[in-house]
Amino acid sequence: MQKDPPQPIAVSGRFFLDIEELITDPVANKETEVDIEPAEPLTAERMQAYADQVLVSDVLSYILDTSIVKILINAARIAPSAGNNQPWKWFYDNGRLFLFHSRERTNASGDIHNIGTYLSLGAAIENLSLRATQMGLICIVEPFPMVGGVGDELVAVIRFRIAEKEEKDELVHFLEARCTNRNSGNKMQISEMQISEINDAVEQFANIGFRLEYSREKIDQLAAIIGKTEKLRIFIEQGHKEFFETEIRWTAESAEKTKDGIDLRTVDLSLKDITGLRLMKDLRAAKLLSEWGAGKAIEKLSADGVSSASGIGVLTVPVLSKEFSLNAGRAMERVWLAATKAGLTVQPFFAPIHHFALIRNHMEHTLPSAISAQFKVLYDEFASVVALKSEEPIFIFRFCYAEDVKVRTFRLDTEDIFFIGNNA
């Protein structure tokens, strides 16, 4: 006999959720689905049209063989990106390498001014530059070459020259080792030498600030704040959709098929944690927890991970702009590589940055009012802990001594992101 579905008990106001239904793999919920108009795919023809509009510089560019360019692209493609969305396409034409924002891969509602996207693209530029330096080349990067804000899909044009003298940058040796590590740390103190090496990694970038908090008191304070922001994100309808439907890859097969997103195997979760996460993938459950002021288990899960850190790093910029965000992405990658070189693992946190930016840029109306009020309080607490003044936080990451990851996230194949023009 087929059982009747669980029914609400009108007297107490409690509701029963069908556990068997909730722990199955996610399916679209038509009643709560949020529609975002997908961006038009960026085709090779459109990239060629952009390339034809960019004037050839007076600066002589060394014409690279496409086999060399592919080596550079392979360094760029392993850069980090928000939710592993890999928002890039590359186009080589007339001795120039064009970097495009592949908008069909980025629809994050909280990514104000494309902060996360430009951070990712900046990291890709830094990886490419490091590999070029190793190969005796100099990269001349011209960001946002289209005048008047037209054609923001085109993020940078890169030209090449032969270096007159050999230059070395040890960070290039850690490109493949660098990864996001979500395993819990052991709270061991970072040495003064390691702190110095990490701080030195960002010195070359003017107007990009970096602070490393490593006192146990401040780490615990920041852990509580970050844990709350991660929880609040999934109480927002669009944030919930992005996390559970766009970012998470629930099976190894789906991760291997799409070659993007966050493979659930890379997250340090117990069976109990995974069951809770699968419960939360139903927006009805998330909304009920939000209404009840609940969700402490989710908050604690994130906070405990942050509390296990040996340090919390914060990158800042004077104002949120595409130029500063791109440079901050390059600085971010250098800090990450320096930490990897020092034997530290790194995990980024995007939820606080994106939602603090909404609050700071008077866009709190895009959030539910109760959640917006909580983010305002959390930002004030965060600014106090890290002693922010007028500068804008643009990236937060934890540094840990932790076990190596057993599973690495996938990357798109080179042929999916690299295209050759008519004049190559």
Protein backbone atom coordinates (compact mmCIF):
# COMPACT_ATOMS: atom_id res chain seq x y z
CA MET A 1 0.00 0.00 0.00
CA GLN A 2 1.35 3.43 -0.92
CA LYS A 3 1.88 5.64 2.10
CA ASP A 4 0.26 9.02 2.34
CA PRO A 5 2.66 11.97 2.17
CA PRO A 6 3.53 13.65 5.49
CA GLN A 7 0.94 16.26 6.44
CA PRO A 8 1.33 19.45 8.47
CA ILE A 9 -0.07 19.44 12.01
CA ALA A 10 -2.25 22.51 12.15
CA VAL A 11 -2.43 22.76 15.95
CA SER A 12 1.29 23.01 16.70
CA GLY A 13 2.35 24.73 13.51
CA ARG A 14 5.13 22.18 12.96
CA PHE A 15 5.84 20.74 9.52
CA PHE A 16 7.20 17.37 8.54
CA LEU A 17 9.62 17.10 5.62
CA ASP A 18 9.92 13.84 3.74
CA ILE A 19 13.53 12.82 4.42
CA GLU A 20 13.58 10.24 1.60
CA GLU A 21 12.57 12.95 -0.85
CA LEU A 22 15.10 15.48 0.38
CA ILE A 23 18.24 13.33 0.41
CA THR A 24 17.94 12.26 -3.21
CA ASP A 25 20.07 14.02 -5.79
CA PRO A 26 18.91 17.59 -6.51
CA VAL A 27 16.21 18.20 -9.09
CA ALA A 28 14.79 21.48 -10.25
CA ASN A 29 11.96 22.81 -8.10
CA LYS A 30 9.65 24.56 -10.57
CA GLU A 31 7.75 26.45 -7.87
CA THR A 32 10.83 28.11 -6.43
CA GLU A 33 13.11 28.16 -9.47
CA VAL A 34 14.71 31.53 -10.12
CA ASP A 35 15.13 32.36 -13.78
CA ILE A 36 18.25 34.16 -14.96
CA GLU A 37 18.48 34.97 -18.62
CA PRO A 38 21.51 32.99 -19.88
CA ALA A 39 24.20 35.06 -21.55
CA GLU A 40 24.75 34.63 -25.27
CA PRO A 41 27.67 32.24 -25.86
CA LEU A 42 30.91 33.99 -26.80
CA THR A 43 31.78 32.66 -30.24
CA ALA A 44 35.08 32.70 -32.11
CA GLU A 45 33.48 35.00 -34.68
CA ARG A 46 32.59 37.57 -32.04
CA MET A 47 36.07 37.38 -30.53
CA GLN A 48 37.55 37.94 -33.99
CA ALA A 49 35.33 41.02 -34.40
CA TYR A 50 36.64 42.41 -31.11
CA ALA A 51 40.25 41.63 -32.07
CA ASP A 52 39.83 43.46 -35.38
CA GLN A 53 38.69 46.60 -33.53
CA VAL A 54 41.74 46.82 -31.26
CA LEU A 55 44.40 48.97 -32.84
CA VAL A 56 47.79 47.41 -33.37
CA SER A 57 50.15 49.03 -30.86
CA ASP A 58 53.33 50.83 -31.81
CA VAL A 59 55.05 48.50 -29.37
CA LEU A 60 56.55 45.68 -31.39
CA SER A 61 55.09 42.32 -30.35
CA TYR A 62 57.01 39.10 -30.69
CA ILE A 63 54.98 36.63 -32.74
CA LEU A 64 54.70 33.38 -30.81
CA ASP A 65 54.11 30.03 -32.40
CA THR A 66 50.69 28.72 -31.37
CA SER A 67 52.34 25.73 -29.69
CA ILE A 68 54.05 28.17 -27.29
CA VAL A 69 50.80 30.04 -26.71
CA LYS A 70 49.13 26.75 -25.74
CA ILE A 71 51.78 26.21 -23.07
CA LEU A 72 50.93 29.63 -21.65
CA ILE A 73 47.19 28.89 -21.80
CA ASN A 74 47.70 25.63 -19.95
CA ALA A 75 49.22 27.64 -17.10
CA ALA A 76 46.35 30.13 -17.16
CA ARG A 77 43.60 27.49 -17.21
CA ILE A 78 44.58 26.09 -13.79
CA ALA A 79 44.01 29.44 -12.06
CA PRO A 80 41.37 29.52 -9.30
CA SER A 81 37.87 30.85 -9.95
CA ALA A 82 34.71 31.42 -7.92
CA GLY A 83 32.89 28.11 -7.66
CA ASN A 84 35.40 26.79 -10.21
CA ASN A 85 33.31 28.46 -12.94
CA GLN A 86 36.39 29.21 -15.14
CA PRO A 87 35.02 32.42 -16.71
CA TRP A 88 37.63 32.78 -19.43
CA LYS A 89 38.16 32.40 -23.15
CA TRP A 90 41.42 33.17 -24.93
CA PHE A 91 41.90 34.25 -28.54
CA TYR A 92 45.24 34.54 -30.33
CA ASP A 93 45.46 36.73 -33.41
CA ASN A 94 48.10 38.90 -35.10
CA GLY A 95 50.68 38.25 -32.37
CA ARG A 96 48.30 39.36 -29.63
CA LEU A 97 46.57 37.24 -27.00
CA PHE A 98 43.06 38.40 -26.05
CA LEU A 99 41.43 37.48 -22.75
CA PHE A 100 37.62 37.49 -22.70
CA HIS A 101 35.03 37.25 -19.96
CA SER A 102 32.91 34.24 -20.94
CA ARG A 103 29.64 35.54 -19.54
CA GLU A 104 27.69 32.35 -20.16
CA ARG A 105 29.74 30.85 -17.32
CA THR A 106 29.04 33.60 -14.75
CA ASN A 107 25.54 34.41 -13.58
CA ALA A 108 26.18 34.94 -9.86
CA SER A 109 23.60 37.34 -8.44
CA GLY A 110 25.90 38.52 -5.67
CA ASP A 111 28.88 39.19 -7.91
CA ILE A 112 28.54 42.98 -7.82
CA HIS A 113 30.71 44.72 -10.43
CA ASN A 114 31.90 41.22 -11.48
CA ILE A 115 34.33 41.17 -8.54
CA GLY A 116 34.64 37.38 -8.49
CA THR A 117 35.01 37.21 -12.25
CA TYR A 118 37.77 39.82 -12.47
CA LEU A 119 39.62 38.24 -9.54
CA SER A 120 39.59 34.94 -11.44
CA LEU A 121 40.70 36.54 -14.71
CA GLY A 122 43.47 38.42 -12.90
CA ALA A 123 44.70 35.13 -11.42
CA ALA A 124 44.75 33.60 -14.90
CA ILE A 125 46.82 36.54 -16.20
CA GLU A 126 49.29 36.09 -13.34
CA ASN A 127 49.69 32.38 -14.05
CA LEU A 128 50.27 33.10 -17.73
CA SER A 129 52.78 35.84 -16.89
CA LEU A 130 54.71 33.56 -14.54
CA ARG A 131 55.00 30.86 -17.20
CA ALA A 132 56.00 33.42 -19.82
CA THR A 133 58.78 34.75 -17.56
CA GLN A 134 60.05 31.21 -17.08
CA MET A 135 60.20 30.86 -20.88
CA GLY A 136 62.20 34.07 -21.33
CA LEU A 137 59.24 36.22 -22.37
CA ILE A 138 57.85 39.51 -21.10
CA CYS A 139 54.08 40.02 -21.03
CA ILE A 140 52.77 43.49 -21.80
CA VAL A 141 49.22 43.52 -20.42
CA GLU A 142 46.75 46.16 -21.56
CA PRO A 143 43.57 45.85 -19.46
CA PHE A 144 40.17 46.80 -20.87
CA PRO A 145 41.39 48.18 -24.21
CA MET A 146 37.97 49.10 -25.62
CA VAL A 147 37.33 52.81 -25.11
CA GLY A 148 34.32 54.15 -23.22
CA GLY A 149 33.33 50.96 -21.47
CA VAL A 150 32.21 49.39 -24.75
CA GLY A 151 32.99 45.71 -25.12
CA ASP A 152 33.67 44.81 -21.49
CA GLU A 153 33.72 41.18 -22.58
CA LEU A 154 37.25 41.93 -23.75
CA VAL A 155 39.20 42.10 -20.50
CA ALA A 156 42.81 42.34 -21.66
CA VAL A 157 45.17 42.27 -24.64
CA ILE A 158 48.57 40.72 -24.03
CA ARG A 159 51.63 41.27 -26.21
CA PHE A 160 54.97 39.55 -25.87
CA ARG A 161 58.63 40.50 -26.05
CA ILE A 162 61.83 38.56 -25.59
CA ALA A 163 63.41 39.34 -22.21
CA GLU A 164 66.81 40.99 -22.50
CA LYS A 165 68.06 39.24 -19.39
CA GLU A 166 66.98 36.12 -17.57
CA GLU A 167 64.47 36.69 -14.82
CA LYS A 168 63.37 34.15 -12.24
CA ASP A 169 60.26 33.90 -10.12
CA GLU A 170 60.17 30.87 -7.86
CA LEU A 171 56.37 30.97 -7.63
CA VAL A 172 56.08 29.47 -11.12
CA HIS A 173 57.14 26.12 -9.67
CA PHE A 174 53.99 25.95 -7.55
CA LEU A 175 51.36 26.53 -10.25
CA GLU A 176 50.38 22.86 -10.42
CA ALA A 177 50.60 22.32 -6.65
CA ARG A 178 48.30 25.25 -5.84
CA CYS A 179 44.72 24.23 -5.10
CA THR A 180 41.79 24.90 -2.81
CA ASN A 181 42.11 22.74 0.28
CA ARG A 182 38.99 22.50 2.46
CA ASN A 183 40.46 20.03 4.95
CA SER A 184 40.57 21.09 8.59
CA GLY A 185 43.83 22.56 9.84
CA ASN A 186 45.79 21.90 13.02
CA LYS A 187 45.97 25.56 14.20
CA MET A 188 49.79 25.50 14.24
CA GLN A 189 51.31 28.98 14.32
CA ILE A 190 52.73 30.46 11.11
CA SER A 191 56.42 31.32 11.35
CA GLU A 192 57.69 34.88 10.96
CA MET A 193 59.59 33.86 7.82
CA GLN A 194 56.44 32.48 6.21
CA ILE A 195 54.49 35.61 7.11
CA SER A 196 57.22 37.72 5.50
CA GLU A 197 57.22 35.62 2.30
CA ILE A 198 53.43 35.87 1.98
CA ASN A 199 53.45 39.63 2.58
CA ASP A 200 56.22 40.09 -0.01
CA ALA A 201 54.10 38.40 -2.67
CA VAL A 202 51.85 41.46 -3.10
CA GLU A 203 54.42 44.25 -2.89
CA GLN A 204 54.54 44.85 -6.65
CA PHE A 205 50.84 45.77 -6.85
CA ALA A 206 50.17 49.40 -6.01
CA ASN A 207 46.94 50.14 -4.13
CA ILE A 208 46.33 46.48 -3.25
CA GLY A 209 46.36 46.07 0.52
CA PHE A 210 46.95 42.82 2.36
CA ARG A 211 46.67 41.95 6.02
CA LEU A 212 47.22 38.59 7.66
CA GLU A 213 45.46 37.98 10.96
CA TYR A 214 47.07 35.16 12.91
CA SER A 215 46.14 35.75 16.55
CA ARG A 216 43.87 33.00 17.82
CA GLU A 217 41.37 35.55 19.16
CA LYS A 218 40.94 37.25 15.77
CA ILE A 219 40.80 33.95 13.87
CA ASP A 220 37.94 32.79 16.10
CA GLN A 221 36.12 36.12 15.71
CA LEU A 222 36.45 35.95 11.92
CA ALA A 223 35.38 32.30 11.93
CA ALA A 224 32.10 33.23 13.62
CA ILE A 225 31.47 36.01 11.09
CA ILE A 226 32.32 33.90 8.03
CA GLY A 227 30.21 31.00 9.31
CA LYS A 228 27.18 33.27 9.58
CA THR A 229 27.66 34.72 6.09
CA GLU A 230 27.94 31.26 4.53
CA LYS A 231 24.71 30.27 6.26
CA LEU A 232 22.86 33.42 5.20
CA ARG A 233 23.88 32.95 1.58
CA ILE A 234 21.84 29.77 1.22
CA PHE A 235 18.83 31.42 2.87
CA ILE A 236 18.70 33.79 -0.13
CA GLU A 237 16.75 32.21 -2.97
CA GLN A 238 19.23 33.01 -5.73
CA GLY A 239 22.24 32.22 -3.55
CA HIS A 240 20.68 28.87 -2.71
CA LYS A 241 20.14 28.08 -6.39
CA GLU A 242 23.69 29.06 -7.35
CA PHE A 243 25.26 26.97 -4.59
CA PHE A 244 23.18 23.81 -4.82
CA GLU A 245 22.40 23.71 -8.54
CA THR A 246 25.25 25.59 -10.23
CA GLU A 247 28.35 25.12 -8.06
CA ILE A 248 28.09 21.74 -6.32
CA ARG A 249 28.83 18.57 -8.29
CA TRP A 250 27.05 15.89 -6.29
CA THR A 251 28.68 12.90 -7.99
CA ALA A 252 32.10 12.09 -9.39
CA GLU A 253 30.45 11.44 -12.75
CA SER A 254 28.91 14.91 -12.96
CA ALA A 255 32.20 16.55 -11.96
CA GLU A 256 34.09 14.65 -14.64
CA LYS A 257 31.43 15.38 -17.24
CA THR A 258 31.21 19.15 -16.73
CA LYS A 259 34.87 19.69 -15.73
CA ASP A 260 33.85 22.62 -13.54
CA GLY A 261 32.09 23.35 -10.25
CA ILE A 262 32.94 22.06 -6.78
CA ASP A 263 33.32 18.29 -6.59
CA LEU A 264 31.65 17.27 -3.32
CA ARG A 265 34.57 14.87 -2.72
CA THR A 266 36.88 17.88 -2.29
CA VAL A 267 34.92 19.12 0.74
CA ASP A 268 35.93 17.89 4.20
CA LEU A 269 32.51 16.52 5.24
CA SER A 270 31.34 13.62 7.36
CA LEU A 271 28.41 11.44 6.28
CA LYS A 272 26.27 13.40 8.74
CA ASP A 273 27.40 16.69 7.18
CA ILE A 274 26.63 15.46 3.66
CA THR A 275 23.17 14.32 4.74
CA GLY A 276 22.52 17.77 6.23
CA LEU A 277 23.75 19.42 3.05
CA ARG A 278 21.42 17.28 0.96
CA LEU A 279 18.54 18.26 3.22
CA MET A 280 19.36 21.92 2.69
CA LYS A 281 19.33 21.59 -1.10
CA ASP A 282 15.55 21.78 -0.89
CA LEU A 283 14.66 25.46 -0.81
CA ARG A 284 11.60 24.73 1.30
CA ALA A 285 13.81 23.39 4.09
CA ALA A 286 16.16 26.38 3.81
CA LYS A 287 13.25 28.83 3.98
CA LEU A 288 11.81 27.15 7.05
CA LEU A 289 15.16 27.27 8.82
CA SER A 290 15.52 30.94 7.90
CA GLU A 291 12.04 31.75 9.25
CA TRP A 292 12.80 29.89 12.46
CA GLY A 293 16.15 31.67 12.90
CA ALA A 294 17.77 28.25 12.75
CA GLY A 295 20.59 26.78 10.66
CA LYS A 296 23.18 26.72 13.47
CA ALA A 297 24.58 23.42 12.22
CA ILE A 298 25.42 24.94 8.82
CA GLU A 299 26.92 28.00 10.47
CA LYS A 300 29.00 25.83 12.82
CA LEU A 301 30.25 23.66 9.96
CA SER A 302 31.77 26.67 8.18
CA ALA A 303 32.94 28.36 11.39
CA ASP A 304 34.72 25.23 12.64
CA GLY A 305 36.64 24.99 9.38
CA VAL A 306 37.78 28.59 9.63
CA SER A 307 38.67 28.21 13.31
CA SER A 308 41.09 25.43 12.40
CA ALA A 309 43.17 27.93 10.40
CA SER A 310 46.60 29.25 11.27
CA GLY A 311 45.80 32.61 9.70
CA ILE A 312 43.14 34.58 7.83
CA GLY A 313 44.20 36.80 4.92
CA VAL A 314 42.27 39.80 3.60
CA LEU A 315 42.99 41.66 0.34
CA THR A 316 41.66 45.21 -0.02
CA VAL A 317 41.33 47.82 -2.76
CA PRO A 318 40.67 51.59 -2.54
CA VAL A 319 37.36 51.23 -4.43
CA LEU A 320 35.57 48.44 -6.22
CA SER A 321 36.44 48.81 -9.91
CA LYS A 322 37.22 46.39 -12.69
CA GLU A 323 40.82 47.61 -12.91
CA PHE A 324 41.48 47.19 -9.19
CA SER A 325 39.66 43.84 -9.14
CA LEU A 326 41.81 42.51 -12.00
CA ASN A 327 45.01 43.57 -10.23
CA ALA A 328 43.72 42.15 -6.95
CA GLY A 329 43.26 38.82 -8.75
CA ARG A 330 46.91 38.83 -9.73
CA ALA A 331 47.89 39.68 -6.14
CA MET A 332 45.55 36.98 -4.82
CA GLU A 333 47.23 34.34 -6.97
CA ARG A 334 50.70 35.39 -5.86
CA VAL A 335 49.69 35.20 -2.18
CA TRP A 336 48.16 31.78 -2.80
CA LEU A 337 51.30 30.53 -4.55
CA ALA A 338 53.55 31.97 -1.83
CA ALA A 339 51.46 30.19 0.82
CA THR A 340 51.70 26.94 -1.18
CA LYS A 341 55.46 27.37 -1.37
CA ALA A 342 55.52 27.85 2.42
CA GLY A 343 53.67 24.57 2.97
CA LEU A 344 50.33 26.16 3.83
CA THR A 345 46.98 25.22 2.35
CA VAL A 346 44.47 27.84 1.26
CA GLN A 347 40.68 28.08 1.10
CA PRO A 348 38.85 31.19 -0.18
CA PHE A 349 35.51 32.54 1.06
CA PHE A 350 33.36 34.48 -1.40
CA ALA A 351 30.05 34.79 0.48
CA PRO A 352 31.20 37.54 2.87
CA ILE A 353 32.89 39.56 0.12
CA HIS A 354 29.94 39.53 -2.27
CA HIS A 355 27.33 40.37 0.33
CA PHE A 356 29.43 42.97 2.13
CA ALA A 357 29.88 44.64 -1.27
CA LEU A 358 26.11 44.78 -1.74
CA ILE A 359 25.76 46.48 1.65
CA ARG A 360 28.64 48.87 1.04
CA ASN A 361 27.31 49.86 -2.39
CA HIS A 362 23.76 50.60 -1.21
CA MET A 363 22.29 47.52 -2.89
CA GLU A 364 20.87 45.97 0.27
CA HIS A 365 17.42 46.18 -1.33
CA THR A 366 18.41 43.18 -3.47
CA LEU A 367 18.41 41.04 -0.30
CA PRO A 368 15.54 40.03 1.98
CA SER A 369 15.31 42.78 4.61
CA ALA A 370 15.93 40.52 7.61
CA ILE A 371 19.02 39.01 5.96
CA SER A 372 20.26 42.43 4.80
CA ALA A 373 20.11 43.68 8.40
CA GLN A 374 22.22 40.74 9.56
CA PHE A 375 24.83 41.34 6.85
CA LYS A 376 25.11 44.99 7.96
CA VAL A 377 25.89 43.90 11.50
CA LEU A 378 28.35 41.27 10.29
CA TYR A 379 30.18 43.78 8.09
CA ASP A 380 30.62 46.18 11.01
CA GLU A 381 32.01 43.34 13.11
CA PHE A 382 34.34 42.27 10.30
CA ALA A 383 35.61 45.82 9.69
CA SER A 384 36.35 46.17 13.39
CA VAL A 385 38.29 42.90 13.64
CA VAL A 386 40.54 43.59 10.63
CA ALA A 387 40.71 47.38 11.24
CA LEU A 388 39.24 48.47 7.92
CA LYS A 389 38.92 52.18 7.25
CA SER A 390 37.72 53.39 3.87
CA GLU A 391 39.20 50.56 1.82
CA GLU A 392 37.06 47.76 0.36
CA PRO A 393 37.68 44.09 1.22
CA ILE A 394 37.86 42.11 -1.99
CA PHE A 395 39.17 38.67 -1.01
CA ILE A 396 39.25 36.53 2.14
CA PHE A 397 41.12 33.29 2.56
CA ARG A 398 42.23 31.00 5.36
CA PHE A 399 45.74 29.57 5.66
CA CYS A 400 46.11 26.13 7.24
CA TYR A 401 48.48 23.32 7.93
CA ALA A 402 46.27 20.50 6.71
CA GLU A 403 46.37 17.13 4.99
CA ASP A 404 46.75 17.17 1.23
CA VAL A 405 43.58 16.91 -0.80
CA LYS A 406 42.79 13.48 -2.22
CA VAL A 407 40.67 14.80 -5.09
CA ARG A 408 41.38 17.82 -7.28
CA THR A 409 38.76 19.83 -9.13
CA PHE A 410 38.58 19.42 -12.89
CA ARG A 411 39.40 22.06 -15.51
CA LEU A 412 37.93 22.69 -18.93
CA ASP A 413 39.98 21.31 -21.82
CA THR A 414 42.26 23.74 -23.65
CA GLU A 415 40.26 23.41 -26.88
CA ASP A 416 37.16 24.64 -25.02
CA ILE A 417 38.78 27.92 -23.96
CA PHE A 418 41.48 28.71 -26.55
CA PHE A 419 40.77 29.86 -30.11
CA ILE A 420 43.03 30.95 -32.96
CA GLY A 421 42.14 33.90 -35.17
CA ASN A 422 42.35 34.51 -38.89
CA ASN A 423 45.71 36.32 -38.66
CA ALA A 424 47.63 34.05 -36.28
